[in-house]
Amino acid sequence: MPDLSMLSRRERQIMKIVFEAGGATVNEIRSRMTDAPTPMAIRRLLAILVDKGFLRSKKNGREKVYVAKQQKASAGSKALREVIDTFFNGSLTQALATHLAHPRQKLSSSDVEDLAALIDELSNKSDSPEQEKAQ
């Protein structure tokens, strides 16, 4: 799938709506947009997103429903990797430290526990015999 970071603000807004809805018509997209453009403008943006390979359309009665060609998690993972590579020289640690250093960023005790458990799990995987054989 093409790079989501190359989309315009409106295109990203439409993709967010389509991802959240699991598929949407022009009218559904328009009703969820703030300061929405005309239906014709939305149709044009949808056609561009189809041409770029982000969306596909399917007929549902008289309307077209637009759905993402890629799962939200997969697209998000690729976009995150791009941000980390571009702005943090590929360092997840640096990206996370920068994010957490922001004054508005607060972690609940549950968030800290979840992150600690994930780090432990990943640490255990990297220490496993299978991992050592692969190296």
N, C-alpha and C. Protein backbone atom coordinates (compact mmCIF):
# COMPACT_ATOMS: atom_id res chain seq x y z
N MET A 1 0.84 -1.18 0.00
CA MET A 1 0.00 0.00 0.00
C MET A 1 0.89 1.25 0.00
N PRO A 2 0.46 2.28 -0.69
CA PRO A 2 1.22 3.54 -0.71
C PRO A 2 1.34 4.13 0.70
N ASP A 3 2.16 5.14 0.81
CA ASP A 3 2.49 5.77 2.08
C ASP A 3 1.40 6.76 2.51
N LEU A 4 0.80 6.54 3.68
CA LEU A 4 -0.25 7.42 4.19
C LEU A 4 0.26 8.83 4.46
N SER A 5 1.55 8.98 4.73
CA SER A 5 2.07 10.31 5.05
C SER A 5 2.07 11.23 3.82
N MET A 6 1.87 10.67 2.65
CA MET A 6 1.86 11.46 1.42
C MET A 6 0.48 12.05 1.10
N LEU A 7 -0.49 11.80 1.97
CA LEU A 7 -1.85 12.27 1.72
C LEU A 7 -2.04 13.70 2.22
N SER A 8 -2.99 14.39 1.58
CA SER A 8 -3.35 15.73 2.04
C SER A 8 -4.15 15.62 3.34
N ARG A 9 -4.37 16.74 3.99
CA ARG A 9 -5.13 16.76 5.24
C ARG A 9 -6.53 16.17 5.02
N ARG A 10 -7.20 16.56 3.97
CA ARG A 10 -8.55 16.05 3.68
C ARG A 10 -8.52 14.56 3.37
N GLU A 11 -7.53 14.12 2.61
CA GLU A 11 -7.42 12.70 2.28
C GLU A 11 -7.21 11.87 3.55
N ARG A 12 -6.34 12.38 4.46
CA ARG A 12 -6.13 11.68 5.74
C ARG A 12 -7.42 11.66 6.57
N GLN A 13 -8.16 12.75 6.54
CA GLN A 13 -9.41 12.84 7.26
C GLN A 13 -10.41 11.80 6.73
N ILE A 14 -10.49 11.67 5.44
CA ILE A 14 -11.37 10.67 4.82
C ILE A 14 -10.91 9.26 5.19
N MET A 15 -9.61 9.00 5.12
CA MET A 15 -9.10 7.67 5.47
C MET A 15 -9.43 7.33 6.92
N LYS A 16 -9.31 8.30 7.81
CA LYS A 16 -9.63 8.06 9.22
C LYS A 16 -11.10 7.66 9.36
N ILE A 17 -11.98 8.35 8.68
CA ILE A 17 -13.41 8.04 8.74
C ILE A 17 -13.69 6.66 8.18
N VAL A 18 -13.09 6.33 7.05
CA VAL A 18 -13.29 5.02 6.42
C VAL A 18 -12.77 3.91 7.33
N PHE A 19 -11.58 4.12 7.92
CA PHE A 19 -11.03 3.12 8.85
C PHE A 19 -11.97 2.91 10.03
N GLU A 20 -12.43 4.00 10.64
CA GLU A 20 -13.28 3.90 11.83
C GLU A 20 -14.61 3.23 11.52
N ALA A 21 -15.16 3.54 10.36
CA ALA A 21 -16.47 3.00 9.99
C ALA A 21 -16.37 1.61 9.37
N GLY A 22 -15.21 1.24 8.91
CA GLY A 22 -15.06 -0.04 8.22
C GLY A 22 -15.57 0.02 6.80
N GLY A 23 -15.91 1.19 6.34
CA GLY A 23 -16.46 1.43 5.00
C GLY A 23 -17.51 2.51 5.11
N ALA A 24 -17.58 3.38 4.11
CA ALA A 24 -18.53 4.49 4.20
C ALA A 24 -18.89 5.01 2.82
N THR A 25 -20.09 5.57 2.74
CA THR A 25 -20.57 6.23 1.53
C THR A 25 -20.16 7.70 1.56
N VAL A 26 -20.35 8.38 0.45
CA VAL A 26 -20.05 9.81 0.37
C VAL A 26 -20.81 10.57 1.46
N ASN A 27 -22.11 10.28 1.60
CA ASN A 27 -22.91 11.00 2.60
C ASN A 27 -22.48 10.70 4.03
N GLU A 28 -22.09 9.45 4.29
CA GLU A 28 -21.62 9.09 5.63
C GLU A 28 -20.30 9.81 5.94
N ILE A 29 -19.43 9.87 4.95
CA ILE A 29 -18.15 10.56 5.13
C ILE A 29 -18.41 12.04 5.37
N ARG A 30 -19.25 12.62 4.56
CA ARG A 30 -19.54 14.06 4.68
C ARG A 30 -20.13 14.39 6.04
N SER A 31 -21.02 13.53 6.54
CA SER A 31 -21.67 13.81 7.83
C SER A 31 -20.69 13.74 9.01
N ARG A 32 -19.58 13.05 8.83
CA ARG A 32 -18.59 12.91 9.91
C ARG A 32 -17.45 13.92 9.82
N MET A 33 -17.43 14.69 8.74
CA MET A 33 -16.35 15.66 8.56
C MET A 33 -16.71 17.00 9.16
N THR A 34 -15.71 17.64 9.77
CA THR A 34 -15.90 19.02 10.21
C THR A 34 -15.60 19.92 9.02
N ASP A 35 -16.42 20.93 8.86
CA ASP A 35 -16.25 21.86 7.74
C ASP A 35 -16.16 21.09 6.42
N ALA A 36 -17.14 20.21 6.21
CA ALA A 36 -17.13 19.29 5.07
C ALA A 36 -17.26 20.03 3.74
N PRO A 37 -16.51 19.58 2.74
CA PRO A 37 -16.69 20.12 1.39
C PRO A 37 -17.97 19.57 0.76
N THR A 38 -18.23 19.95 -0.45
CA THR A 38 -19.43 19.49 -1.15
C THR A 38 -19.34 17.99 -1.42
N PRO A 39 -20.49 17.34 -1.64
CA PRO A 39 -20.45 15.92 -2.00
C PRO A 39 -19.59 15.65 -3.24
N MET A 40 -19.63 16.54 -4.22
CA MET A 40 -18.82 16.37 -5.43
C MET A 40 -17.33 16.41 -5.09
N ALA A 41 -16.93 17.31 -4.20
CA ALA A 41 -15.53 17.39 -3.81
C ALA A 41 -15.10 16.11 -3.08
N ILE A 42 -15.99 15.57 -2.25
CA ILE A 42 -15.68 14.32 -1.55
C ILE A 42 -15.55 13.19 -2.56
N ARG A 43 -16.45 13.13 -3.54
CA ARG A 43 -16.35 12.10 -4.58
C ARG A 43 -15.01 12.19 -5.30
N ARG A 44 -14.57 13.40 -5.57
CA ARG A 44 -13.29 13.59 -6.26
C ARG A 44 -12.14 13.11 -5.39
N LEU A 45 -12.18 13.45 -4.10
CA LEU A 45 -11.14 12.99 -3.18
C LEU A 45 -11.14 11.46 -3.07
N LEU A 46 -12.32 10.87 -3.05
CA LEU A 46 -12.43 9.41 -3.00
C LEU A 46 -11.85 8.79 -4.27
N ALA A 47 -12.12 9.39 -5.41
CA ALA A 47 -11.57 8.88 -6.68
C ALA A 47 -10.05 8.96 -6.65
N ILE A 48 -9.51 10.02 -6.09
CA ILE A 48 -8.06 10.16 -5.97
C ILE A 48 -7.49 9.06 -5.06
N LEU A 49 -8.17 8.81 -3.94
CA LEU A 49 -7.72 7.77 -3.01
C LEU A 49 -7.80 6.38 -3.63
N VAL A 50 -8.80 6.17 -4.47
CA VAL A 50 -8.89 4.89 -5.21
C VAL A 50 -7.73 4.80 -6.20
N ASP A 51 -7.48 5.88 -6.94
CA ASP A 51 -6.39 5.89 -7.92
C ASP A 51 -5.02 5.68 -7.25
N LYS A 52 -4.85 6.24 -6.05
CA LYS A 52 -3.59 6.10 -5.33
C LYS A 52 -3.43 4.72 -4.69
N GLY A 53 -4.52 3.94 -4.68
CA GLY A 53 -4.44 2.59 -4.14
C GLY A 53 -4.78 2.44 -2.67
N PHE A 54 -5.36 3.47 -2.06
CA PHE A 54 -5.72 3.40 -0.65
C PHE A 54 -7.10 2.81 -0.41
N LEU A 55 -8.02 3.07 -1.34
CA LEU A 55 -9.40 2.63 -1.19
C LEU A 55 -9.84 1.82 -2.40
N ARG A 56 -10.92 1.08 -2.18
CA ARG A 56 -11.63 0.45 -3.29
C ARG A 56 -13.11 0.71 -3.01
N SER A 57 -13.90 0.61 -4.05
CA SER A 57 -15.33 0.85 -3.87
C SER A 57 -16.11 -0.40 -4.24
N LYS A 58 -17.26 -0.52 -3.62
CA LYS A 58 -18.17 -1.61 -3.97
C LYS A 58 -19.58 -1.05 -3.98
N LYS A 59 -20.40 -1.59 -4.85
CA LYS A 59 -21.78 -1.13 -4.97
C LYS A 59 -22.62 -1.69 -3.82
N ASN A 60 -23.44 -0.83 -3.27
CA ASN A 60 -24.42 -1.23 -2.25
C ASN A 60 -25.72 -0.54 -2.64
N GLY A 61 -26.53 -1.22 -3.43
CA GLY A 61 -27.73 -0.58 -3.96
C GLY A 61 -27.33 0.48 -4.96
N ARG A 62 -27.83 1.68 -4.75
CA ARG A 62 -27.51 2.78 -5.66
C ARG A 62 -26.24 3.52 -5.26
N GLU A 63 -25.72 3.23 -4.09
CA GLU A 63 -24.55 3.96 -3.60
C GLU A 63 -23.28 3.12 -3.68
N LYS A 64 -22.16 3.81 -3.66
CA LYS A 64 -20.86 3.14 -3.56
C LYS A 64 -20.42 3.24 -2.10
N VAL A 65 -19.89 2.13 -1.61
CA VAL A 65 -19.28 2.11 -0.29
C VAL A 65 -17.78 2.02 -0.50
N TYR A 66 -17.05 2.89 0.16
CA TYR A 66 -15.60 2.93 0.03
C TYR A 66 -14.98 2.25 1.24
N VAL A 67 -14.06 1.32 0.98
CA VAL A 67 -13.38 0.58 2.04
C VAL A 67 -11.87 0.66 1.81
N ALA A 68 -11.13 0.59 2.90
CA ALA A 68 -9.68 0.65 2.81
C ALA A 68 -9.15 -0.65 2.23
N LYS A 69 -8.11 -0.55 1.44
CA LYS A 69 -7.48 -1.74 0.86
C LYS A 69 -6.58 -2.43 1.87
N GLN A 70 -6.24 -1.73 2.94
CA GLN A 70 -5.34 -2.28 3.94
C GLN A 70 -5.96 -2.08 5.32
N GLN A 71 -5.72 -3.01 6.23
CA GLN A 71 -6.24 -2.90 7.59
C GLN A 71 -5.63 -1.68 8.28
N LYS A 72 -6.39 -1.09 9.18
CA LYS A 72 -5.95 0.11 9.90
C LYS A 72 -4.65 -0.16 10.66
N ALA A 73 -4.57 -1.27 11.36
CA ALA A 73 -3.37 -1.58 12.16
C ALA A 73 -2.14 -1.69 11.27
N SER A 74 -2.28 -2.32 10.13
CA SER A 74 -1.16 -2.48 9.21
C SER A 74 -0.72 -1.13 8.65
N ALA A 75 -1.68 -0.31 8.25
CA ALA A 75 -1.36 1.02 7.73
C ALA A 75 -0.73 1.88 8.82
N GLY A 76 -1.26 1.77 10.04
CA GLY A 76 -0.71 2.54 11.16
C GLY A 76 0.70 2.13 11.49
N SER A 77 0.96 0.84 11.45
CA SER A 77 2.29 0.33 11.73
C SER A 77 3.31 0.85 10.71
N LYS A 78 2.91 0.83 9.46
CA LYS A 78 3.80 1.33 8.40
C LYS A 78 4.03 2.84 8.56
N ALA A 79 2.97 3.58 8.87
CA ALA A 79 3.10 5.03 9.04
C ALA A 79 3.99 5.35 10.24
N LEU A 80 3.83 4.61 11.34
CA LEU A 80 4.66 4.81 12.53
C LEU A 80 6.12 4.54 12.21
N ARG A 81 6.37 3.46 11.48
CA ARG A 81 7.75 3.12 11.10
C ARG A 81 8.36 4.26 10.28
N GLU A 82 7.58 4.83 9.37
CA GLU A 82 8.05 5.95 8.55
C GLU A 82 8.42 7.15 9.42
N VAL A 83 7.57 7.48 10.40
CA VAL A 83 7.83 8.60 11.30
C VAL A 83 9.09 8.35 12.11
N ILE A 84 9.21 7.15 12.65
CA ILE A 84 10.39 6.82 13.45
C ILE A 84 11.66 6.89 12.61
N ASP A 85 11.61 6.35 11.40
CA ASP A 85 12.78 6.38 10.52
C ASP A 85 13.13 7.82 10.11
N THR A 86 12.12 8.61 9.81
CA THR A 86 12.34 9.97 9.30
C THR A 86 12.79 10.94 10.39
N PHE A 87 12.13 10.92 11.53
CA PHE A 87 12.38 11.94 12.54
C PHE A 87 13.26 11.49 13.71
N PHE A 88 13.43 10.19 13.89
CA PHE A 88 14.18 9.70 15.04
C PHE A 88 15.30 8.73 14.65
N ASN A 89 15.74 8.83 13.40
CA ASN A 89 16.83 7.99 12.90
C ASN A 89 16.62 6.51 13.19
N GLY A 90 15.36 6.07 13.13
CA GLY A 90 15.04 4.67 13.32
C GLY A 90 15.00 4.22 14.77
N SER A 91 15.15 5.14 15.72
CA SER A 91 15.19 4.79 17.14
C SER A 91 13.81 4.86 17.79
N LEU A 92 13.25 3.70 18.08
CA LEU A 92 11.97 3.65 18.79
C LEU A 92 12.11 4.25 20.18
N THR A 93 13.25 4.00 20.83
CA THR A 93 13.50 4.54 22.17
C THR A 93 13.46 6.06 22.15
N GLN A 94 14.12 6.67 21.18
CA GLN A 94 14.14 8.12 21.07
C GLN A 94 12.73 8.66 20.78
N ALA A 95 11.99 7.99 19.91
CA ALA A 95 10.63 8.42 19.59
C ALA A 95 9.73 8.35 20.82
N LEU A 96 9.80 7.25 21.55
CA LEU A 96 8.98 7.09 22.74
C LEU A 96 9.37 8.09 23.82
N ALA A 97 10.67 8.31 24.02
CA ALA A 97 11.13 9.28 25.01
C ALA A 97 10.63 10.68 24.67
N THR A 98 10.69 11.04 23.40
CA THR A 98 10.20 12.35 22.96
C THR A 98 8.70 12.47 23.21
N HIS A 99 7.97 11.43 22.89
CA HIS A 99 6.52 11.45 23.09
C HIS A 99 6.17 11.58 24.58
N LEU A 100 6.85 10.82 25.41
CA LEU A 100 6.54 10.82 26.84
C LEU A 100 7.02 12.09 27.54
N ALA A 101 7.99 12.79 26.95
CA ALA A 101 8.50 14.02 27.55
C ALA A 101 7.54 15.20 27.38
N HIS A 102 6.56 15.04 26.51
CA HIS A 102 5.60 16.12 26.28
C HIS A 102 4.79 16.34 27.55
N PRO A 103 4.64 17.60 27.97
CA PRO A 103 3.95 17.88 29.24
C PRO A 103 2.51 17.38 29.31
N ARG A 104 1.82 17.31 28.19
CA ARG A 104 0.42 16.84 28.21
C ARG A 104 0.31 15.33 28.22
N GLN A 105 1.43 14.63 28.02
CA GLN A 105 1.40 13.18 27.94
C GLN A 105 1.49 12.59 29.34
N LYS A 106 0.42 11.98 29.78
CA LYS A 106 0.39 11.36 31.10
C LYS A 106 0.09 9.87 30.93
N LEU A 107 0.84 9.05 31.64
CA LEU A 107 0.60 7.61 31.63
C LEU A 107 -0.09 7.22 32.93
N SER A 108 -1.14 6.45 32.81
CA SER A 108 -1.80 5.93 34.00
C SER A 108 -0.95 4.78 34.54
N SER A 109 -1.22 4.37 35.77
CA SER A 109 -0.48 3.23 36.33
C SER A 109 -0.76 1.98 35.50
N SER A 110 -1.96 1.88 34.95
CA SER A 110 -2.31 0.75 34.09
C SER A 110 -1.47 0.77 32.80
N ASP A 111 -1.27 1.97 32.23
CA ASP A 111 -0.43 2.09 31.03
C ASP A 111 1.00 1.64 31.33
N VAL A 112 1.52 2.07 32.48
CA VAL A 112 2.89 1.71 32.86
C VAL A 112 3.00 0.20 33.04
N GLU A 113 2.01 -0.40 33.69
CA GLU A 113 2.01 -1.86 33.88
C GLU A 113 1.95 -2.59 32.54
N ASP A 114 1.10 -2.11 31.63
CA ASP A 114 0.98 -2.73 30.30
C ASP A 114 2.29 -2.63 29.53
N LEU A 115 2.93 -1.45 29.57
CA LEU A 115 4.20 -1.28 28.87
C LEU A 115 5.29 -2.16 29.48
N ALA A 116 5.32 -2.24 30.81
CA ALA A 116 6.32 -3.09 31.48
C ALA A 116 6.11 -4.55 31.09
N ALA A 117 4.86 -4.99 31.04
CA ALA A 117 4.57 -6.38 30.67
C ALA A 117 4.99 -6.64 29.22
N LEU A 118 4.73 -5.69 28.34
CA LEU A 118 5.12 -5.84 26.94
C LEU A 118 6.64 -5.90 26.79
N ILE A 119 7.34 -5.04 27.52
CA ILE A 119 8.81 -5.05 27.47
C ILE A 119 9.34 -6.38 28.00
N ASP A 120 8.77 -6.86 29.10
CA ASP A 120 9.20 -8.17 29.64
C ASP A 120 8.96 -9.28 28.63
N GLU A 121 7.80 -9.26 28.00
CA GLU A 121 7.47 -10.28 27.00
C GLU A 121 8.45 -10.24 25.84
N LEU A 122 8.73 -9.05 25.34
CA LEU A 122 9.66 -8.92 24.22
C LEU A 122 11.08 -9.28 24.64
N SER A 123 11.44 -8.95 25.86
CA SER A 123 12.76 -9.30 26.38
C SER A 123 12.91 -10.81 26.49
N ASN A 124 11.88 -11.47 26.96
CA ASN A 124 11.91 -12.94 27.07
C ASN A 124 12.00 -13.60 25.70
N LYS A 125 11.32 -13.03 24.71
CA LYS A 125 11.39 -13.58 23.35
C LYS A 125 12.79 -13.46 22.78
N SER A 126 13.44 -12.32 23.04
CA SER A 126 14.78 -12.14 22.48
C SER A 126 15.82 -12.99 23.20
N ASP A 127 15.52 -13.44 24.43
CA ASP A 127 16.43 -14.30 25.17
C ASP A 127 16.17 -15.79 24.93
N SER A 128 15.14 -16.11 24.14
CA SER A 128 14.77 -17.51 23.95
C SER A 128 15.79 -18.24 23.08
N PRO A 129 15.91 -19.57 23.25
CA PRO A 129 16.87 -20.35 22.45
C PRO A 129 16.63 -20.24 20.95
N GLU A 130 15.36 -20.15 20.54
CA GLU A 130 15.07 -20.04 19.11
C GLU A 130 15.68 -18.78 18.54
N GLN A 131 15.63 -17.69 19.32
CA GLN A 131 16.18 -16.42 18.87
C GLN A 131 17.71 -16.52 18.73
N GLU A 132 18.35 -17.21 19.69
CA GLU A 132 19.80 -17.36 19.63
C GLU A 132 20.23 -18.19 18.43
N LYS A 133 19.43 -19.22 18.07
CA LYS A 133 19.74 -20.04 16.90
C LYS A 133 19.67 -19.22 15.62
N ALA A 134 18.70 -18.28 15.57
CA ALA A 134 18.51 -17.48 14.37
C ALA A 134 19.66 -16.51 14.17
N GLN A 135 20.37 -16.17 15.26
CA GLN A 135 21.45 -15.20 15.14
C GLN A 135 22.69 -15.88 14.78
